[in-house]
């Protein structure tokens, strides 16, 4: 009787164990299937929203239509005055969606969101040229050209005007306001004057704050801090041309152009002159 009970117990145990193994395998496959569905970036091949988005981005800016030639002797109809197209409306929207939306559509990194009039009004009041300069050179957390170095000035201007229009600030209004003429920068003395002319210290300060401050404002990587006369004395003695050459080519831990390959020699010279003027 005892042996019969043992066989019955073993049969029951094996059956239950088999059921549990099968259930575990089924749960594993189910979990993998659910995980696959939840993975980001998985978009069906024929997703209608994706196809619509592709069509918008690839749509041509315009098209050429050839009208039939008028019959001989027929008067040509008077040419209707074509309405002035909104400057860069189509291109501006495409550039915004492809490059600017990540920050200006979400408010990331403190960027003013499109549609937020309170955030955009003081910026628009600076004038389109100032906004262009900020977009080209970078400002705060925004990298030059929004990180898309392939963009040209016309595309960036179109994107700015598009964002202003979408915010309710006409490009011909506050955005076109002429900024007051900047006061001429004082002539640089010492090393700056030896560069063959006066440097634009105001422009140099802007470059310093957006690029050079990370090291020369903190002393990181052994860079001489602005205002540290002892650290700058021997460097200033080398002359402006040598300092500019070091900044362009890189020296020690400093990469060429401070890591900003888009800066030209004029901007670098102005930044060096500014730092020298504060460290003499």
C-alpha atoms as a PDB file:
ATOM      1  CA  UNK A   1       0.000   0.000   0.000  1.00  0.00           C
ATOM      2  CA  UNK A   2       2.875   2.317   0.860  1.00  0.00           C
ATOM      3  CA  UNK A   3       4.595   1.654  -2.478  1.00  0.00           C
ATOM      4  CA  UNK A   4       1.345   2.434  -4.357  1.00  0.00           C
ATOM      5  CA  UNK A   5       1.060   5.759  -2.515  1.00  0.00           C
ATOM      6  CA  UNK A   6       4.650   6.640  -3.387  1.00  0.00           C
ATOM      7  CA  UNK A   7       4.023   5.994  -7.077  1.00  0.00           C
ATOM      8  CA  UNK A   8       0.858   8.094  -6.989  1.00  0.00           C
ATOM      9  CA  UNK A   9       2.681  10.942  -5.234  1.00  0.00           C
ATOM     10  CA  UNK A  10       5.549  10.886  -7.745  1.00  0.00           C
ATOM     11  CA  UNK A  11       3.155  10.888 -10.705  1.00  0.00           C
ATOM     12  CA  UNK A  12       1.264  13.848  -9.253  1.00  0.00           C
ATOM     13  CA  UNK A  13       4.512  15.691  -8.463  1.00  0.00           C
ATOM     14  CA  UNK A  14       5.906  15.215 -11.996  1.00  0.00           C
ATOM     15  CA  UNK A  15       2.597  16.351 -13.530  1.00  0.00           C
ATOM     16  CA  UNK A  16       2.480  19.531 -11.418  1.00  0.00           C
ATOM     17  CA  UNK A  17       6.164  20.246 -12.121  1.00  0.00           C
ATOM     18  CA  UNK A  18       5.601  19.838 -15.847  1.00  0.00           C
ATOM     19  CA  UNK A  19       2.653  22.229 -15.771  1.00  0.00           C
ATOM     20  CA  UNK A  20       4.738  24.827 -13.890  1.00  0.00           C
ATOM     21  CA  UNK A  21       7.610  24.542 -16.412  1.00  0.00           C
ATOM     22  CA  UNK A  22       5.229  25.006 -19.348  1.00  0.00           C
ATOM     23  CA  UNK A  23       3.600  27.990 -17.608  1.00  0.00           C
ATOM     24  CA  UNK A  24       7.009  29.580 -16.906  1.00  0.00           C
ATOM     25  CA  UNK A  25       8.060  29.234 -20.553  1.00  0.00           C
ATOM     26  CA  UNK A  26       4.753  30.758 -21.694  1.00  0.00           C
ATOM     27  CA  UNK A  27       5.203  33.705 -19.304  1.00  0.00           C
ATOM     28  CA  UNK A  28       8.760  34.297 -20.568  1.00  0.00           C
ATOM     29  CA  UNK A  29       7.571  34.446 -24.188  1.00  0.00           C
ATOM     30  CA  UNK A  30       4.673  36.719 -23.201  1.00  0.00           C
ATOM     31  CA  UNK A  31       7.031  39.088 -21.339  1.00  0.00           C
ATOM     32  CA  UNK A  32       9.388  39.277 -24.322  1.00  0.00           C
ATOM     33  CA  UNK A  33       6.482  40.001 -26.638  1.00  0.00           C
ATOM     34  CA  UNK A  34       5.199  42.810 -24.391  1.00  0.00           C
ATOM     35  CA  UNK A  35       8.721  44.227 -24.057  1.00  0.00           C
ATOM     36  CA  UNK A  36       9.113  44.205 -27.836  1.00  0.00           C
ATOM     37  CA  UNK A  37       5.869  46.176 -28.212  1.00  0.00           C
ATOM     38  CA  UNK A  38       6.994  48.712 -25.591  1.00  0.00           C
ATOM     39  CA  UNK A  39      10.445  49.326 -27.066  1.00  0.00           C
ATOM     40  CA  UNK A  40      10.835  52.994 -28.184  1.00  0.00           C
ATOM     41  CA  UNK A  41      11.492  53.619 -31.816  1.00  0.00           C
ATOM     42  CA  UNK A  42       9.468  50.633 -33.013  1.00  0.00           C
ATOM     43  CA  UNK A  43       7.213  52.146 -35.643  1.00  0.00           C
ATOM     44  CA  UNK A  44       5.129  50.072 -38.060  1.00  0.00           C
ATOM     45  CA  UNK A  45       6.471  50.200 -41.587  1.00  0.00           C
ATOM     46  CA  UNK A  46       3.292  51.799 -42.957  1.00  0.00           C
ATOM     47  CA  UNK A  47       2.476  54.077 -40.030  1.00  0.00           C
ATOM     48  CA  UNK A  48       0.213  56.839 -41.512  1.00  0.00           C
ATOM     49  CA  UNK A  49       1.529  59.564 -39.153  1.00  0.00           C
ATOM     50  CA  UNK A  50       5.114  58.720 -40.063  1.00  0.00           C
ATOM     51  CA  UNK A  51       4.335  58.796 -43.777  1.00  0.00           C
ATOM     52  CA  UNK A  52       2.562  62.174 -43.379  1.00  0.00           C
ATOM     53  CA  UNK A  53       5.578  63.583 -41.496  1.00  0.00           C
ATOM     54  CA  UNK A  54       7.951  62.352 -44.211  1.00  0.00           C
ATOM     55  CA  UNK A  55       5.784  63.934 -46.900  1.00  0.00           C
ATOM     56  CA  UNK A  56       5.793  67.296 -45.071  1.00  0.00           C
ATOM     57  CA  UNK A  57       9.579  67.344 -44.698  1.00  0.00           C
ATOM     58  CA  UNK A  58      10.240  66.242 -48.274  1.00  0.00           C
ATOM     59  CA  UNK A  59       7.624  68.493 -49.872  1.00  0.00           C
ATOM     60  CA  UNK A  60       9.202  70.936 -52.371  1.00  0.00           C
ATOM     61  CA  UNK A  61       9.217  74.607 -51.480  1.00  0.00           C
ATOM     62  CA  UNK A  62       7.533  75.498 -54.772  1.00  0.00           C
ATOM     63  CA  UNK A  63       6.899  74.264 -58.283  1.00  0.00           C
ATOM     64  CA  UNK A  64       7.201  75.624 -61.788  1.00  0.00           C
ATOM     65  CA  UNK A  65       4.094  75.656 -63.981  1.00  0.00           C
ATOM     66  CA  UNK A  66       4.298  76.416 -67.702  1.00  0.00           C
ATOM     67  CA  UNK A  67       1.157  78.075 -69.026  1.00  0.00           C
ATOM     68  CA  UNK A  68      -0.023  77.533 -72.558  1.00  0.00           C
ATOM     69  CA  UNK A  69       1.074  80.239 -75.011  1.00  0.00           C
ATOM     70  CA  UNK A  70      -1.744  82.734 -75.858  1.00  0.00           C
ATOM     71  CA  UNK A  71      -3.294  82.558 -79.322  1.00  0.00           C
ATOM     72  CA  UNK A  72      -1.794  84.862 -81.938  1.00  0.00           C
ATOM     73  CA  UNK A  73      -3.234  88.364 -81.686  1.00  0.00           C
ATOM     74  CA  UNK A  74      -4.930  87.713 -78.377  1.00  0.00           C
ATOM     75  CA  UNK A  75      -4.350  90.225 -75.654  1.00  0.00           C
ATOM     76  CA  UNK A  76      -2.506  88.963 -72.674  1.00  0.00           C
ATOM     77  CA  UNK A  77      -4.535  89.372 -69.501  1.00  0.00           C
ATOM     78  CA  UNK A  78      -3.204  92.013 -67.135  1.00  0.00           C
ATOM     79  CA  UNK A  79      -0.730  90.553 -64.704  1.00  0.00           C
ATOM     80  CA  UNK A  80      -2.200  90.304 -61.249  1.00  0.00           C
ATOM     81  CA  UNK A  81      -0.034  91.593 -58.498  1.00  0.00           C
ATOM     82  CA  UNK A  82       1.214  88.538 -56.664  1.00  0.00           C
ATOM     83  CA  UNK A  83       0.909  88.760 -52.907  1.00  0.00           C
ATOM     84  CA  UNK A  84       4.250  89.033 -51.155  1.00  0.00           C
ATOM     85  CA  UNK A  85       5.106  85.621 -49.770  1.00  0.00           C
ATOM     86  CA  UNK A  86       5.799  85.345 -46.095  1.00  0.00           C
ATOM     87  CA  UNK A  87       9.561  85.368 -45.809  1.00  0.00           C
ATOM     88  CA  UNK A  88      10.786  81.803 -45.489  1.00  0.00           C
ATOM     89  CA  UNK A  89       7.399  80.516 -44.258  1.00  0.00           C
ATOM     90  CA  UNK A  90       7.787  76.979 -45.656  1.00  0.00           C
ATOM     91  CA  UNK A  91      11.500  76.677 -44.999  1.00  0.00           C
ATOM     92  CA  UNK A  92      11.186  78.229 -41.552  1.00  0.00           C
ATOM     93  CA  UNK A  93       8.593  75.703 -40.463  1.00  0.00           C
ATOM     94  CA  UNK A  94      10.689  72.787 -41.745  1.00  0.00           C
ATOM     95  CA  UNK A  95      13.843  74.044 -40.011  1.00  0.00           C
ATOM     96  CA  UNK A  96      11.911  74.613 -36.787  1.00  0.00           C
ATOM     97  CA  UNK A  97      10.417  71.123 -36.829  1.00  0.00           C
ATOM     98  CA  UNK A  98      13.704  69.422 -37.711  1.00  0.00           C
ATOM     99  CA  UNK A  99      16.085  71.392 -35.467  1.00  0.00           C
ATOM    100  CA  UNK A 100      14.463  73.944 -33.154  1.00  0.00           C
ATOM    101  CA  UNK A 101      11.435  71.989 -31.877  1.00  0.00           C
ATOM    102  CA  UNK A 102      13.455  69.853 -29.441  1.00  0.00           C
ATOM    103  CA  UNK A 103      13.968  72.919 -27.209  1.00  0.00           C
ATOM    104  CA  UNK A 104      11.658  75.700 -28.466  1.00  0.00           C
ATOM    105  CA  UNK A 105       8.728  73.311 -28.749  1.00  0.00           C
ATOM    106  CA  UNK A 106       9.174  71.865 -25.265  1.00  0.00           C
ATOM    107  CA  UNK A 107      10.915  74.571 -23.230  1.00  0.00           C
ATOM    108  CA  UNK A 108      13.904  72.280 -22.612  1.00  0.00           C
ATOM    109  CA  UNK A 109      17.069  73.873 -21.170  1.00  0.00           C
ATOM    110  CA  UNK A 110      15.148  77.091 -20.490  1.00  0.00           C
ATOM    111  CA  UNK A 111      14.465  77.822 -24.187  1.00  0.00           C
ATOM    112  CA  UNK A 112      11.466  80.124 -24.806  1.00  0.00           C
ATOM    113  CA  UNK A 113       8.592  77.985 -26.066  1.00  0.00           C
ATOM    114  CA  UNK A 114       6.903  78.940 -29.312  1.00  0.00           C
ATOM    115  CA  UNK A 115       3.605  80.570 -28.369  1.00  0.00           C
ATOM    116  CA  UNK A 116       4.883  81.948 -25.046  1.00  0.00           C
ATOM    117  CA  UNK A 117       4.517  85.655 -25.774  1.00  0.00           C
ATOM    118  CA  UNK A 118       5.852  86.786 -22.417  1.00  0.00           C
ATOM    119  CA  UNK A 119       9.078  84.869 -22.973  1.00  0.00           C
ATOM    120  CA  UNK A 120       9.520  86.021 -26.578  1.00  0.00           C
ATOM    121  CA  UNK A 121       8.591  89.720 -26.357  1.00  0.00           C
ATOM    122  CA  UNK A 122      11.839  90.938 -24.734  1.00  0.00           C
ATOM    123  CA  UNK A 123      13.832  88.837 -27.183  1.00  0.00           C
ATOM    124  CA  UNK A 124      11.902  90.126 -30.187  1.00  0.00           C
ATOM    125  CA  UNK A 125      12.477  93.692 -28.960  1.00  0.00           C
ATOM    126  CA  UNK A 126      16.220  93.168 -29.426  1.00  0.00           C
ATOM    127  CA  UNK A 127      15.710  93.014 -33.177  1.00  0.00           C
ATOM    128  CA  UNK A 128      16.042  90.260 -35.775  1.00  0.00           C
ATOM    129  CA  UNK A 129      19.774  90.894 -36.244  1.00  0.00           C
ATOM    130  CA  UNK A 130      20.478  90.250 -32.559  1.00  0.00           C
ATOM    131  CA  UNK A 131      18.347  87.095 -32.581  1.00  0.00           C
ATOM    132  CA  UNK A 132      20.216  85.947 -35.684  1.00  0.00           C
ATOM    133  CA  UNK A 133      23.574  86.519 -34.013  1.00  0.00           C
ATOM    134  CA  UNK A 134      22.520  84.568 -30.931  1.00  0.00           C
ATOM    135  CA  UNK A 135      21.299  81.673 -33.087  1.00  0.00           C
ATOM    136  CA  UNK A 136      24.455  81.625 -35.218  1.00  0.00           C
ATOM    137  CA  UNK A 137      26.947  81.941 -32.362  1.00  0.00           C
ATOM    138  CA  UNK A 138      24.970  80.129 -29.655  1.00  0.00           C
ATOM    139  CA  UNK A 139      23.699  81.590 -26.395  1.00  0.00           C
ATOM    140  CA  UNK A 140      23.390  80.044 -22.952  1.00  0.00           C
ATOM    141  CA  UNK A 141      22.563  76.354 -23.318  1.00  0.00           C
ATOM    142  CA  UNK A 142      21.834  76.723 -27.045  1.00  0.00           C
ATOM    143  CA  UNK A 143      24.755  75.574 -29.242  1.00  0.00           C
ATOM    144  CA  UNK A 144      25.646  77.470 -32.456  1.00  0.00           C
ATOM    145  CA  UNK A 145      22.960  76.981 -35.110  1.00  0.00           C
ATOM    146  CA  UNK A 146      20.981  74.872 -32.654  1.00  0.00           C
ATOM    147  CA  UNK A 147      23.568  72.124 -33.128  1.00  0.00           C
ATOM    148  CA  UNK A 148      22.863  71.795 -36.870  1.00  0.00           C
ATOM    149  CA  UNK A 149      25.991  73.250 -38.477  1.00  0.00           C
ATOM    150  CA  UNK A 150      24.638  72.489 -41.971  1.00  0.00           C
ATOM    151  CA  UNK A 151      22.082  75.325 -41.691  1.00  0.00           C
ATOM    152  CA  UNK A 152      22.715  78.548 -43.582  1.00  0.00           C
ATOM    153  CA  UNK A 153      21.873  82.078 -42.430  1.00  0.00           C
ATOM    154  CA  UNK A 154      18.758  82.247 -44.609  1.00  0.00           C
ATOM    155  CA  UNK A 155      17.351  79.066 -43.078  1.00  0.00           C
ATOM    156  CA  UNK A 156      18.049  80.254 -39.541  1.00  0.00           C
ATOM    157  CA  UNK A 157      16.424  83.637 -40.240  1.00  0.00           C
ATOM    158  CA  UNK A 158      13.384  81.855 -41.693  1.00  0.00           C
ATOM    159  CA  UNK A 159      13.102  79.655 -38.592  1.00  0.00           C
ATOM    160  CA  UNK A 160      13.304  82.662 -36.250  1.00  0.00           C
ATOM    161  CA  UNK A 161      10.648  84.540 -38.222  1.00  0.00           C
ATOM    162  CA  UNK A 162       8.435  81.437 -38.212  1.00  0.00           C
ATOM    163  CA  UNK A 163       8.705  81.108 -34.422  1.00  0.00           C
ATOM    164  CA  UNK A 164       7.929  84.811 -33.979  1.00  0.00           C
ATOM    165  CA  UNK A 165       4.861  84.554 -36.223  1.00  0.00           C
ATOM    166  CA  UNK A 166       3.609  81.456 -34.406  1.00  0.00           C
ATOM    167  CA  UNK A 167       3.993  83.348 -31.126  1.00  0.00           C
ATOM    168  CA  UNK A 168       1.921  86.262 -32.417  1.00  0.00           C
ATOM    169  CA  UNK A 169       4.852  88.617 -32.909  1.00  0.00           C
ATOM    170  CA  UNK A 170       4.951  89.715 -36.531  1.00  0.00           C
ATOM    171  CA  UNK A 171       8.423  89.676 -38.057  1.00  0.00           C
ATOM    172  CA  UNK A 172       7.787  93.211 -39.272  1.00  0.00           C
ATOM    173  CA  UNK A 173       6.911  94.421 -35.774  1.00  0.00           C
ATOM    174  CA  UNK A 174       8.917  93.914 -32.641  1.00  0.00           C
ATOM    175  CA  UNK A 175      11.165  91.424 -34.370  1.00  0.00           C
ATOM    176  CA  UNK A 176      12.199  94.026 -36.926  1.00  0.00           C
ATOM    177  CA  UNK A 177      12.830  96.711 -34.353  1.00  0.00           C
ATOM    178  CA  UNK A 178      16.198  98.244 -34.988  1.00  0.00           C
ATOM    179  CA  UNK A 179      18.465  97.786 -32.033  1.00  0.00           C
ATOM    180  CA  UNK A 180      20.180 100.950 -30.815  1.00  0.00           C
ATOM    181  CA  UNK A 181      23.614 101.427 -32.237  1.00  0.00           C
ATOM    182  CA  UNK A 182      26.227  99.927 -29.992  1.00  0.00           C
ATOM    183  CA  UNK A 183      28.672 102.312 -28.450  1.00  0.00           C
ATOM    184  CA  UNK A 184      32.065 102.023 -30.070  1.00  0.00           C
ATOM    185  CA  UNK A 185      34.324  99.768 -28.062  1.00  0.00           C
ATOM    186  CA  UNK A 186      37.218 101.567 -26.433  1.00  0.00           C
ATOM    187  CA  UNK A 187      40.506 101.120 -28.155  1.00  0.00           C
ATOM    188  CA  UNK A 188      42.421  98.250 -26.632  1.00  0.00           C
ATOM    189  CA  UNK A 189      45.724  99.049 -25.085  1.00  0.00           C
ATOM    190  CA  UNK A 190      48.924  97.101 -24.715  1.00  0.00           C
ATOM    191  CA  UNK A 191      48.792  93.684 -26.309  1.00  0.00           C
ATOM    192  CA  UNK A 192      45.492  94.408 -28.081  1.00  0.00           C
ATOM    193  CA  UNK A 193      46.868  97.526 -29.759  1.00  0.00           C
ATOM    194  CA  UNK A 194      49.885  95.618 -30.978  1.00  0.00           C
ATOM    195  CA  UNK A 195      47.570  93.397 -33.007  1.00  0.00           C
ATOM    196  CA  UNK A 196      47.444  96.025 -35.722  1.00  0.00           C
ATOM    197  CA  UNK A 197      44.279  97.850 -34.648  1.00  0.00           C
ATOM    198  CA  UNK A 198      41.747  98.175 -31.837  1.00  0.00           C
ATOM    199  CA  UNK A 199      39.836  95.060 -30.820  1.00  0.00           C
ATOM    200  CA  UNK A 200      36.087  94.915 -30.244  1.00  0.00           C
ATOM    201  CA  UNK A 201      36.125  94.236 -26.512  1.00  0.00           C
ATOM    202  CA  UNK A 202      32.331  94.040 -26.313  1.00  0.00           C
ATOM    203  CA  UNK A 203      32.287  91.274 -28.925  1.00  0.00           C
ATOM    204  CA  UNK A 204      35.257  89.669 -27.193  1.00  0.00           C
ATOM    205  CA  UNK A 205      33.360  89.611 -23.892  1.00  0.00           C
ATOM    206  CA  UNK A 206      30.472  87.783 -25.548  1.00  0.00           C
ATOM    207  CA  UNK A 207      32.795  85.134 -26.976  1.00  0.00           C
ATOM    208  CA  UNK A 208      34.558  84.824 -23.615  1.00  0.00           C
ATOM    209  CA  UNK A 209      31.286  84.282 -21.736  1.00  0.00           C
ATOM    210  CA  UNK A 210      29.942  81.725 -24.227  1.00  0.00           C
ATOM    211  CA  UNK A 211      33.161  79.790 -24.927  1.00  0.00           C
ATOM    212  CA  UNK A 212      36.249  80.730 -22.898  1.00  0.00           C
ATOM    213  CA  UNK A 213      34.699  81.121 -19.457  1.00  0.00           C
ATOM    214  CA  UNK A 214      34.459  77.356 -18.891  1.00  0.00           C
ATOM    215  CA  UNK A 215      38.257  77.212 -18.423  1.00  0.00           C
ATOM    216  CA  UNK A 216      39.552  80.796 -18.185  1.00  0.00           C
ATOM    217  CA  UNK A 217      36.824  81.767 -15.736  1.00  0.00           C
ATOM    218  CA  UNK A 218      37.399  78.796 -13.444  1.00  0.00           C
ATOM    219  CA  UNK A 219      41.038  77.842 -13.959  1.00  0.00           C
ATOM    220  CA  UNK A 220      40.035  74.384 -15.190  1.00  0.00           C
ATOM    221  CA  UNK A 221      42.743  72.244 -16.836  1.00  0.00           C
ATOM    222  CA  UNK A 222      45.396  74.729 -15.710  1.00  0.00           C
ATOM    223  CA  UNK A 223      44.047  77.598 -17.831  1.00  0.00           C
ATOM    224  CA  UNK A 224      45.067  81.073 -16.577  1.00  0.00           C
ATOM    225  CA  UNK A 225      42.033  82.664 -14.916  1.00  0.00           C
ATOM    226  CA  UNK A 226      40.939  86.034 -16.207  1.00  0.00           C
ATOM    227  CA  UNK A 227      42.042  88.650 -13.687  1.00  0.00           C
ATOM    228  CA  UNK A 228      45.030  86.613 -12.442  1.00  0.00           C
ATOM    229  CA  UNK A 229      47.783  89.109 -13.326  1.00  0.00           C
ATOM    230  CA  UNK A 230      50.604  86.787 -12.227  1.00  0.00           C
ATOM    231  CA  UNK A 231      49.354  83.972 -14.464  1.00  0.00           C
ATOM    232  CA  UNK A 232      48.881  86.276 -17.460  1.00  0.00           C
ATOM    233  CA  UNK A 233      52.030  88.423 -17.157  1.00  0.00           C
ATOM    234  CA  UNK A 234      54.414  86.128 -19.067  1.00  0.00           C
ATOM    235  CA  UNK A 235      51.753  85.235 -21.603  1.00  0.00           C
ATOM    236  CA  UNK A 236      50.965  88.888 -22.365  1.00  0.00           C
ATOM    237  CA  UNK A 237      54.690  89.512 -22.822  1.00  0.00           C
ATOM    238  CA  UNK A 238      54.695  87.060 -25.767  1.00  0.00           C
ATOM    239  CA  UNK A 239      52.555  89.453 -27.803  1.00  0.00           C
ATOM    240  CA  UNK A 240      49.026  89.403 -29.145  1.00  0.00           C
ATOM    241  CA  UNK A 241      49.845  87.467 -32.308  1.00  0.00           C
ATOM    242  CA  UNK A 242      51.362  84.606 -30.314  1.00  0.00           C
ATOM    243  CA  UNK A 243      48.368  84.444 -27.961  1.00  0.00           C
ATOM    244  CA  UNK A 244      45.950  84.410 -30.900  1.00  0.00           C
ATOM    245  CA  UNK A 245      47.978  81.697 -32.646  1.00  0.00           C
ATOM    246  CA  UNK A 246      47.909  79.549 -29.510  1.00  0.00           C
ATOM    247  CA  UNK A 247      44.135  80.042 -29.252  1.00  0.00           C
ATOM    248  CA  UNK A 248      43.566  79.108 -32.911  1.00  0.00           C
ATOM    249  CA  UNK A 249      45.923  76.110 -33.013  1.00  0.00           C
ATOM    250  CA  UNK A 250      45.408  74.934 -29.440  1.00  0.00           C
ATOM    251  CA  UNK A 251      47.995  74.690 -26.693  1.00  0.00           C
ATOM    252  CA  UNK A 252      48.382  72.211 -23.849  1.00  0.00           C
ATOM    253  CA  UNK A 253      44.945  71.067 -22.694  1.00  0.00           C
ATOM    254  CA  UNK A 254      43.183  73.784 -24.717  1.00  0.00           C
ATOM    255  CA  UNK A 255      41.728  72.449 -28.013  1.00  0.00           C
ATOM    256  CA  UNK A 256      41.949  74.550 -31.219  1.00  0.00           C
ATOM    257  CA  UNK A 257      39.631  77.552 -30.978  1.00  0.00           C
ATOM    258  CA  UNK A 258      38.589  76.425 -27.514  1.00  0.00           C
ATOM    259  CA  UNK A 259      36.572  73.633 -29.112  1.00  0.00           C
ATOM    260  CA  UNK A 260      34.483  76.014 -31.232  1.00  0.00           C
ATOM    261  CA  UNK A 261      35.594  75.371 -34.813  1.00  0.00           C
ATOM    262  CA  UNK A 262      32.993  77.851 -36.122  1.00  0.00           C
ATOM    263  CA  UNK A 263      34.774  80.872 -34.594  1.00  0.00           C
ATOM    264  CA  UNK A 264      36.800  83.004 -37.004  1.00  0.00           C
ATOM    265  CA  UNK A 265      40.118  84.703 -36.258  1.00  0.00           C
ATOM    266  CA  UNK A 266      38.443  88.074 -35.608  1.00  0.00           C
ATOM    267  CA  UNK A 267      36.212  86.619 -32.879  1.00  0.00           C
ATOM    268  CA  UNK A 268      39.143  84.819 -31.248  1.00  0.00           C
ATOM    269  CA  UNK A 269      41.318  87.934 -31.374  1.00  0.00           C
ATOM    270  CA  UNK A 270      38.556  89.974 -29.746  1.00  0.00           C
ATOM    271  CA  UNK A 271      38.145  87.343 -26.987  1.00  0.00           C
ATOM    272  CA  UNK A 272      41.901  87.226 -26.307  1.00  0.00           C
ATOM    273  CA  UNK A 273      42.057  91.029 -26.223  1.00  0.00           C
ATOM    274  CA  UNK A 274      39.162  91.105 -23.741  1.00  0.00           C
ATOM    275  CA  UNK A 275      40.843  88.586 -21.421  1.00  0.00           C
ATOM    276  CA  UNK A 276      44.159  90.487 -21.654  1.00  0.00           C
ATOM    277  CA  UNK A 277      42.422  93.775 -20.854  1.00  0.00           C
ATOM    278  CA  UNK A 278      40.989  92.221 -17.669  1.00  0.00           C
ATOM    279  CA  UNK A 279      44.261  90.598 -16.617  1.00  0.00           C
ATOM    280  CA  UNK A 280      46.854  93.385 -17.012  1.00  0.00           C
END
